[in-house]
Amino acid sequence: MSNDNNNMKKYPNYPLYTLHKSRKTSPTPYLTKVVHSTSYDPWFNLALEESLLNQLAPHEIILYLWQNQTTVVIGRNQNAWKECAWEQLEKNRGKLARRLSGGGAVFHDLGNLNFTFILSQEYYDLEKQLSVILEALKSNNIQAEFSGRNDLLLNGKKFSGHAYYFRNQAALHHGTILVHSDLDNLSLYLKPSPKKILSKGIDSVRSRVVNLTDINENITIMQIMKSLEKSFASSYCRPDTFITYGEADKSSFLKLYEKYSSWEWQFGASPRFDLSFCERFPWGEIEFGFRLKNGIISACTLYSDAMDETLIRTIAQQFIGLPLNKQKLIKALFSLQNTENEYLINDLSSYISQEQSF
């Protein structure tokens, strides 16, 4: 079982970076919308998700429900070459996709249901969003709990992983719900690092996860969908609009589809580094990759499953142009520190100060 609850005691602000943007719901009236996708293509569904985020109207709250066929979805800053058995996935006609949010790799198939809350930061309230899911499950006699940084658990096992993304005044909270997913394929395609497995106190990915049908064998994807819609209406208000998107609608967000389906977005560059090192922390794993020219960092890539995807990319940019000097790197880290990321910056600073490779 995950030791994330113990980590919360060790790190007082952990995992507040998933909560820090929560707002008390404003009395301003809002409009609600339920969106379904009939496509099972992850590139289509992620492109639609970003399109909905881009077009979010003021005072609008969206619940988006979708499914992907045989897919591994990796976090914004993860190394695609290392996180999954992508060649095996491709051979079996599966797809690799990269999402906007941070966090780790997840497996999707038609036994899994994906949800996304898209709303302004004015209305973003993680506890309320989680309650929509928990109440939907409770109506099906399933008692779940939120644990650690981004998991929903049943009897200590994970069936739902969550991630978060913020842009301007909009917020996105999305995740998975394993209903009757093929857990053997999940174990086959996901390849977490040994350090991550060890940190969870388990011997495999398969041993940590559970399907809802293991608790209630009669439950179905459609049943969970309907329960989520009902719970969403109860927590917010009766949806003003129900919209279904299919492949015929791709032209309305074609550029986004081209982005998500591109090799550049999925894999990106895989440069040869002059120096690289990796470590795992309670908040996630991070790998540093430096290209050097005359002792100066000319390029920097950080691979990480940390939830705060923006901070990880900002740190990488901050290091470019600095000499490869521990004190300079630590000073650059502290220049980014605030009350919300203090634990992460402190961990990285301490780690760099003790790193033996330079």
Protein backbone atom coordinates (compact mmCIF):
# COMPACT_ATOMS: atom_id res chain seq x y z
CA MET A 1 0.00 0.00 0.00
CA SER A 2 1.17 3.55 -0.75
CA ASN A 3 2.95 5.38 2.03
CA ASP A 4 1.70 8.77 0.76
CA ASN A 5 -0.29 9.48 3.94
CA ASN A 6 2.92 9.22 5.95
CA ASN A 7 4.53 11.61 3.48
CA MET A 8 1.80 14.12 4.23
CA LYS A 9 2.96 14.18 7.85
CA LYS A 10 6.61 14.57 6.82
CA TYR A 11 5.81 17.30 4.31
CA PRO A 12 3.16 19.60 5.87
CA ASN A 13 2.25 21.12 2.49
CA TYR A 14 2.14 17.75 0.70
CA PRO A 15 0.06 17.30 -1.46
CA LEU A 16 -1.28 20.82 -1.31
CA TYR A 17 -0.03 21.67 -4.78
CA THR A 18 -3.05 19.72 -6.04
CA LEU A 19 -5.27 21.73 -3.71
CA HIS A 20 -3.72 25.18 -3.62
CA LYS A 21 -5.85 26.60 -6.38
CA SER A 22 -9.11 25.48 -4.73
CA ARG A 23 -11.60 28.28 -4.31
CA LYS A 24 -14.75 28.53 -2.29
CA THR A 25 -17.58 28.44 -4.78
CA SER A 26 -18.59 31.92 -5.78
CA PRO A 27 -22.26 32.92 -5.45
CA THR A 28 -22.12 33.93 -9.11
CA PRO A 29 -24.56 31.69 -11.06
CA TYR A 30 -22.85 29.18 -13.32
CA LEU A 31 -23.78 27.16 -16.37
CA THR A 32 -23.18 23.41 -16.44
CA LYS A 33 -22.52 21.17 -19.41
CA VAL A 34 -22.05 17.42 -19.86
CA VAL A 35 -19.93 16.35 -22.83
CA HIS A 36 -19.51 12.82 -24.21
CA SER A 37 -17.13 11.54 -26.87
CA THR A 38 -18.05 8.56 -29.02
CA SER A 39 -14.47 8.26 -30.27
CA TYR A 40 -12.05 5.78 -28.70
CA ASP A 41 -9.02 7.53 -30.21
CA PRO A 42 -6.87 9.10 -27.43
CA TRP A 43 -5.51 11.80 -29.73
CA PHE A 44 -9.05 12.84 -30.63
CA ASN A 45 -10.22 12.79 -27.01
CA LEU A 46 -7.27 14.74 -25.63
CA ALA A 47 -7.55 17.27 -28.45
CA LEU A 48 -11.25 17.68 -27.66
CA GLU A 49 -10.40 18.11 -23.98
CA GLU A 50 -7.96 20.95 -24.72
CA SER A 51 -10.43 22.50 -27.15
CA LEU A 52 -13.08 22.54 -24.40
CA LEU A 53 -10.54 24.14 -22.06
CA ASN A 54 -9.63 26.79 -24.64
CA GLN A 55 -13.27 27.65 -25.31
CA LEU A 56 -14.45 27.60 -21.70
CA ALA A 57 -17.02 30.33 -21.21
CA PRO A 58 -17.14 32.50 -18.08
CA HIS A 59 -19.15 30.84 -15.30
CA GLU A 60 -19.19 27.49 -17.13
CA ILE A 61 -18.53 24.09 -15.52
CA ILE A 62 -18.05 21.06 -17.79
CA LEU A 63 -18.10 17.35 -17.02
CA TYR A 64 -16.48 15.50 -19.93
CA LEU A 65 -16.74 11.68 -20.12
CA TRP A 66 -14.63 9.65 -22.55
CA GLN A 67 -12.89 6.34 -23.24
CA ASN A 68 -9.78 5.25 -25.11
CA GLN A 69 -9.00 1.94 -26.77
CA THR A 70 -5.69 0.29 -25.69
CA THR A 71 -3.68 3.40 -24.84
CA VAL A 72 -0.86 4.48 -22.57
CA VAL A 73 -1.18 8.14 -21.58
CA ILE A 74 1.92 9.74 -20.10
CA GLY A 75 2.28 12.94 -18.09
CA ARG A 76 3.43 16.20 -19.65
CA ASN A 77 7.04 15.90 -18.48
CA GLN A 78 7.60 12.16 -18.66
CA ASN A 79 10.14 10.34 -20.81
CA ALA A 80 8.10 8.31 -23.31
CA TRP A 81 11.04 6.04 -24.07
CA LYS A 82 11.20 4.83 -20.47
CA GLU A 83 7.66 4.93 -19.10
CA CYS A 84 6.00 2.24 -21.19
CA ALA A 85 6.60 -0.69 -23.51
CA TRP A 86 5.75 1.51 -26.47
CA GLU A 87 7.08 -0.87 -29.14
CA GLN A 88 4.92 -3.70 -27.77
CA LEU A 89 1.99 -1.29 -27.53
CA GLU A 90 2.43 -0.21 -31.14
CA LYS A 91 2.82 -3.81 -32.32
CA ASN A 92 -0.51 -4.63 -30.69
CA ARG A 93 -2.14 -1.65 -32.43
CA GLY A 94 -2.32 0.42 -29.27
CA LYS A 95 -1.48 4.12 -29.06
CA LEU A 96 0.78 6.32 -26.99
CA ALA A 97 -0.53 9.73 -25.95
CA ARG A 98 0.84 12.62 -23.90
CA ARG A 99 -1.55 14.79 -21.89
CA LEU A 100 -1.32 18.41 -20.74
CA SER A 101 -1.14 17.63 -17.03
CA GLY A 102 1.70 16.29 -14.93
CA GLY A 103 1.79 13.00 -13.04
CA GLY A 104 2.56 9.48 -14.14
CA ALA A 105 1.68 7.08 -16.93
CA VAL A 106 -1.72 5.37 -17.01
CA PHE A 107 -3.28 2.61 -19.09
CA HIS A 108 -6.65 3.05 -20.81
CA ASP A 109 -8.91 0.52 -22.47
CA LEU A 110 -12.67 0.16 -22.90
CA GLY A 111 -12.96 -1.22 -19.38
CA ASN A 112 -11.82 2.17 -18.08
CA LEU A 113 -13.82 5.40 -17.95
CA ASN A 114 -12.15 8.81 -18.06
CA PHE A 115 -13.64 11.95 -16.57
CA THR A 116 -12.61 15.60 -16.84
CA PHE A 117 -13.84 18.61 -14.91
CA ILE A 118 -13.19 21.84 -16.83
CA LEU A 119 -14.04 25.05 -15.04
CA SER A 120 -12.74 28.48 -14.15
CA GLN A 121 -10.38 28.75 -11.21
CA GLU A 122 -13.12 30.75 -9.52
CA TYR A 123 -15.08 27.51 -9.16
CA TYR A 124 -12.20 25.06 -8.81
CA ASP A 125 -12.76 23.05 -5.61
CA LEU A 126 -11.00 19.69 -5.51
CA GLU A 127 -13.04 18.38 -2.60
CA LYS A 128 -16.27 19.16 -4.40
CA GLN A 129 -15.06 17.60 -7.65
CA LEU A 130 -13.96 14.47 -5.78
CA SER A 131 -17.33 14.32 -4.05
CA VAL A 132 -19.01 14.00 -7.47
CA ILE A 133 -17.06 10.79 -8.06
CA LEU A 134 -17.30 9.44 -4.52
CA GLU A 135 -21.06 10.03 -4.34
CA ALA A 136 -21.56 8.39 -7.75
CA LEU A 137 -19.74 5.31 -6.47
CA LYS A 138 -21.61 5.37 -3.16
CA SER A 139 -24.90 5.23 -5.06
CA ASN A 140 -23.61 1.90 -6.43
CA ASN A 141 -22.71 0.62 -2.93
CA ILE A 142 -18.99 1.27 -3.41
CA GLN A 143 -17.18 3.09 -0.60
CA ALA A 144 -13.96 4.69 -1.85
CA GLU A 145 -11.48 7.14 -0.35
CA PHE A 146 -9.03 9.76 -1.57
CA SER A 147 -5.43 9.02 -0.65
CA GLY A 148 -2.00 10.51 -1.20
CA ARG A 149 -1.42 13.01 -3.97
CA ASN A 150 -3.84 11.80 -6.64
CA ASP A 151 -5.43 8.38 -6.00
CA LEU A 152 -8.86 6.98 -5.16
CA LEU A 153 -8.64 3.68 -3.31
CA LEU A 154 -10.81 0.65 -2.59
CA ASN A 155 -9.60 -1.51 0.27
CA GLY A 156 -6.15 0.03 -0.05
CA LYS A 157 -5.87 -0.53 -3.82
CA LYS A 158 -5.97 2.12 -6.53
CA PHE A 159 -8.78 2.24 -9.09
CA SER A 160 -8.62 5.91 -10.02
CA GLY A 161 -5.67 8.24 -10.66
CA HIS A 162 -6.04 12.01 -11.04
CA ALA A 163 -4.04 14.88 -12.54
CA TYR A 164 -4.47 18.64 -12.75
CA TYR A 165 -3.69 21.47 -15.14
CA PHE A 166 -4.14 25.25 -14.85
CA ARG A 167 -4.01 27.79 -17.64
CA ASN A 168 -4.75 31.48 -17.19
CA GLN A 169 -8.10 31.52 -15.36
CA ALA A 170 -9.15 27.99 -16.35
CA ALA A 171 -8.62 24.73 -14.51
CA LEU A 172 -8.72 21.09 -15.55
CA HIS A 173 -9.02 18.06 -13.26
CA HIS A 174 -9.11 14.68 -14.98
CA GLY A 175 -8.65 11.03 -14.14
CA THR A 176 -9.39 7.38 -14.71
CA ILE A 177 -11.92 4.95 -13.24
CA LEU A 178 -11.03 1.27 -13.64
CA VAL A 179 -14.33 -0.56 -14.03
CA HIS A 180 -13.37 -3.80 -15.77
CA SER A 181 -10.02 -2.95 -17.34
CA ASP A 182 -7.58 -5.63 -18.49
CA LEU A 183 -5.09 -5.43 -15.63
CA ASP A 184 -2.72 -7.89 -17.30
CA ASN A 185 -2.33 -5.45 -20.20
CA LEU A 186 -1.93 -2.60 -17.73
CA SER A 187 0.98 -4.47 -16.18
CA LEU A 188 2.38 -5.38 -19.62
CA TYR A 189 2.49 -1.86 -21.02
CA LEU A 190 3.33 0.29 -17.98
CA LYS A 191 6.99 0.22 -16.97
CA PRO A 192 7.49 2.36 -13.85
CA SER A 193 10.99 2.70 -12.48
CA PRO A 194 12.14 0.25 -9.79
CA LYS A 195 12.45 3.20 -7.40
CA LYS A 196 8.77 4.00 -7.84
CA ILE A 197 7.73 0.39 -7.23
CA LEU A 198 9.92 0.28 -4.12
CA SER A 199 8.51 3.56 -2.80
CA LYS A 200 4.99 2.11 -2.95
CA GLY A 201 5.98 -0.96 -0.92
CA ILE A 202 4.71 -3.33 -3.63
CA ASP A 203 6.26 -5.83 -6.03
CA SER A 204 4.39 -4.87 -9.24
CA VAL A 205 1.93 -2.42 -10.78
CA ARG A 206 -0.64 -5.21 -11.01
CA SER A 207 -0.64 -5.81 -7.26
CA ARG A 208 -1.52 -2.19 -6.51
CA VAL A 209 -4.66 -1.74 -8.65
CA VAL A 210 -8.23 -3.01 -8.58
CA ASN A 211 -11.32 -2.91 -10.81
CA LEU A 212 -14.72 -1.81 -9.55
CA THR A 213 -16.08 -5.16 -10.74
CA ASP A 214 -13.85 -6.83 -8.17
CA ILE A 215 -16.09 -5.17 -5.58
CA ASN A 216 -19.39 -5.20 -7.47
CA GLU A 217 -19.36 -7.69 -10.33
CA ASN A 218 -22.57 -6.31 -11.85
CA ILE A 219 -21.38 -2.74 -12.30
CA THR A 220 -20.95 -1.38 -15.85
CA ILE A 221 -19.34 1.59 -17.58
CA MET A 222 -22.77 2.95 -18.54
CA GLN A 223 -23.95 2.67 -14.96
CA ILE A 224 -20.96 4.69 -13.72
CA MET A 225 -21.51 7.28 -16.47
CA LYS A 226 -25.14 7.79 -15.46
CA SER A 227 -24.22 7.92 -11.78
CA LEU A 228 -21.57 10.56 -12.46
CA GLU A 229 -24.04 12.68 -14.41
CA LYS A 230 -26.57 12.42 -11.59
CA SER A 231 -23.99 13.23 -8.92
CA PHE A 232 -22.68 16.16 -11.01
CA ALA A 233 -26.23 17.57 -11.27
CA SER A 234 -26.71 17.14 -7.51
CA SER A 235 -23.40 18.81 -6.58
CA TYR A 236 -23.74 21.73 -9.00
CA CYS A 237 -27.05 21.98 -10.82
CA ARG A 238 -28.98 20.22 -13.54
CA PRO A 239 -26.85 20.47 -16.72
CA ASP A 240 -27.96 23.18 -19.11
CA THR A 241 -26.47 21.35 -22.08
CA PHE A 242 -25.63 17.78 -23.13
CA ILE A 243 -23.28 17.49 -26.12
CA THR A 244 -21.87 14.43 -27.89
CA TYR A 245 -18.79 14.67 -30.12
CA GLY A 246 -17.75 12.11 -32.71
CA GLU A 247 -15.09 11.67 -35.38
CA ALA A 248 -17.06 13.89 -37.74
CA ASP A 249 -16.34 16.83 -35.42
CA LYS A 250 -12.56 16.51 -35.68
CA SER A 251 -12.31 19.37 -38.16
CA SER A 252 -13.33 21.85 -35.44
CA PHE A 253 -10.10 21.13 -33.52
CA LEU A 254 -7.92 19.65 -36.25
CA LYS A 255 -4.75 21.53 -35.27
CA LEU A 256 -4.99 20.19 -31.74
CA TYR A 257 -5.53 16.68 -33.09
CA GLU A 258 -2.44 17.05 -35.25
CA LYS A 259 -0.48 18.10 -32.16
CA TYR A 260 -1.55 15.13 -30.04
CA SER A 261 -1.01 12.64 -32.86
CA SER A 262 2.45 13.99 -33.72
CA TRP A 263 5.69 12.19 -32.92
CA GLU A 264 7.13 15.47 -31.64
CA TRP A 265 4.43 15.80 -28.94
CA GLN A 266 4.44 12.13 -27.95
CA PHE A 267 8.18 11.49 -27.86
CA GLY A 268 9.91 14.83 -28.35
CA ALA A 269 13.66 15.08 -28.65
CA SER A 270 15.81 12.46 -26.96
CA PRO A 271 19.15 14.26 -26.77
CA ARG A 272 22.40 12.78 -25.63
CA PHE A 273 23.24 14.35 -22.31
CA ASP A 274 26.72 15.16 -21.07
CA LEU A 275 25.47 14.66 -17.52
CA SER A 276 22.34 13.02 -16.14
CA PHE A 277 21.16 11.81 -12.75
CA CYS A 278 17.88 10.68 -11.25
CA GLU A 279 16.20 10.49 -7.85
CA ARG A 280 12.79 9.71 -6.39
CA PHE A 281 11.05 11.80 -3.73
CA PRO A 282 7.69 11.48 -1.96
CA TRP A 283 6.17 13.83 -4.54
CA GLY A 284 7.54 11.94 -7.56
CA GLU A 285 10.62 11.02 -9.55
CA ILE A 286 12.83 13.45 -11.45
CA GLU A 287 15.63 12.92 -13.97
CA PHE A 288 18.03 15.76 -14.78
CA GLY A 289 19.65 15.88 -18.21
CA PHE A 290 22.29 18.52 -19.02
CA ARG A 291 24.09 19.42 -22.24
CA LEU A 292 27.25 21.39 -21.50
CA LYS A 293 29.45 23.78 -23.47
CA ASN A 294 32.59 25.10 -21.80
CA GLY A 295 31.11 24.30 -18.40
CA ILE A 296 27.88 26.18 -19.13
CA ILE A 297 24.48 24.43 -19.31
CA SER A 298 23.44 24.88 -22.93
CA ALA A 299 20.37 22.67 -22.71
CA CYS A 300 18.43 21.15 -19.85
CA THR A 301 15.65 18.56 -19.84
CA LEU A 302 13.81 17.43 -16.72
CA TYR A 303 11.72 14.26 -16.92
CA SER A 304 9.30 13.89 -14.04
CA ASP A 305 5.98 12.49 -12.90
CA ALA A 306 5.57 15.38 -10.43
CA MET A 307 2.05 16.78 -10.48
CA ASP A 308 3.13 20.41 -10.94
CA GLU A 309 4.05 20.17 -14.61
CA THR A 310 4.57 23.92 -15.03
CA LEU A 311 7.13 24.16 -12.23
CA ILE A 312 9.22 21.30 -13.66
CA ARG A 313 9.45 22.98 -17.06
CA THR A 314 10.21 26.34 -15.43
CA ILE A 315 13.11 24.84 -13.46
CA ALA A 316 14.60 23.40 -16.66
CA GLN A 317 14.46 26.81 -18.34
CA GLN A 318 15.95 28.48 -15.25
CA PHE A 319 19.04 26.26 -15.39
CA ILE A 320 19.92 27.06 -19.03
CA GLY A 321 22.86 29.45 -19.28
CA LEU A 322 24.12 28.78 -15.77
CA PRO A 323 27.55 27.31 -15.02
CA LEU A 324 27.47 23.73 -13.77
CA ASN A 325 27.90 24.82 -10.19
CA LYS A 326 25.87 23.49 -7.28
CA GLN A 327 25.49 26.84 -5.53
CA LYS A 328 24.33 28.53 -8.76
CA LEU A 329 21.75 25.80 -9.40
CA ILE A 330 20.49 25.93 -5.82
CA LYS A 331 20.22 29.73 -5.99
CA ALA A 332 18.18 29.39 -9.19
CA LEU A 333 15.87 26.90 -7.46
CA PHE A 334 15.26 29.15 -4.48
CA SER A 335 14.41 32.04 -6.80
CA LEU A 336 11.33 30.00 -7.79
CA GLN A 337 10.29 29.03 -4.27
CA ASN A 338 6.93 29.98 -2.79
CA THR A 339 4.69 28.57 -0.07
CA GLU A 340 3.08 26.14 -2.49
CA ASN A 341 6.25 24.49 -3.83
CA GLU A 342 8.53 24.88 -0.79
CA TYR A 343 8.78 21.12 -0.11
CA LEU A 344 9.78 20.34 -3.72
CA ILE A 345 12.36 23.13 -4.00
CA ASN A 346 13.87 22.17 -0.64
CA ASP A 347 14.11 18.51 -1.69
CA LEU A 348 15.79 19.33 -5.00
CA SER A 349 18.19 21.80 -3.41
CA SER A 350 19.23 19.28 -0.78
CA TYR A 351 19.65 16.56 -3.41
CA ILE A 352 21.78 18.73 -5.73
CA SER A 353 23.99 19.79 -2.84
CA GLN A 354 24.81 16.13 -2.17
CA GLU A 355 24.98 14.87 -5.78
CA GLN A 356 28.39 13.29 -6.41
CA SER A 357 28.46 13.39 -10.23
CA PHE A 358 29.67 17.01 -10.40
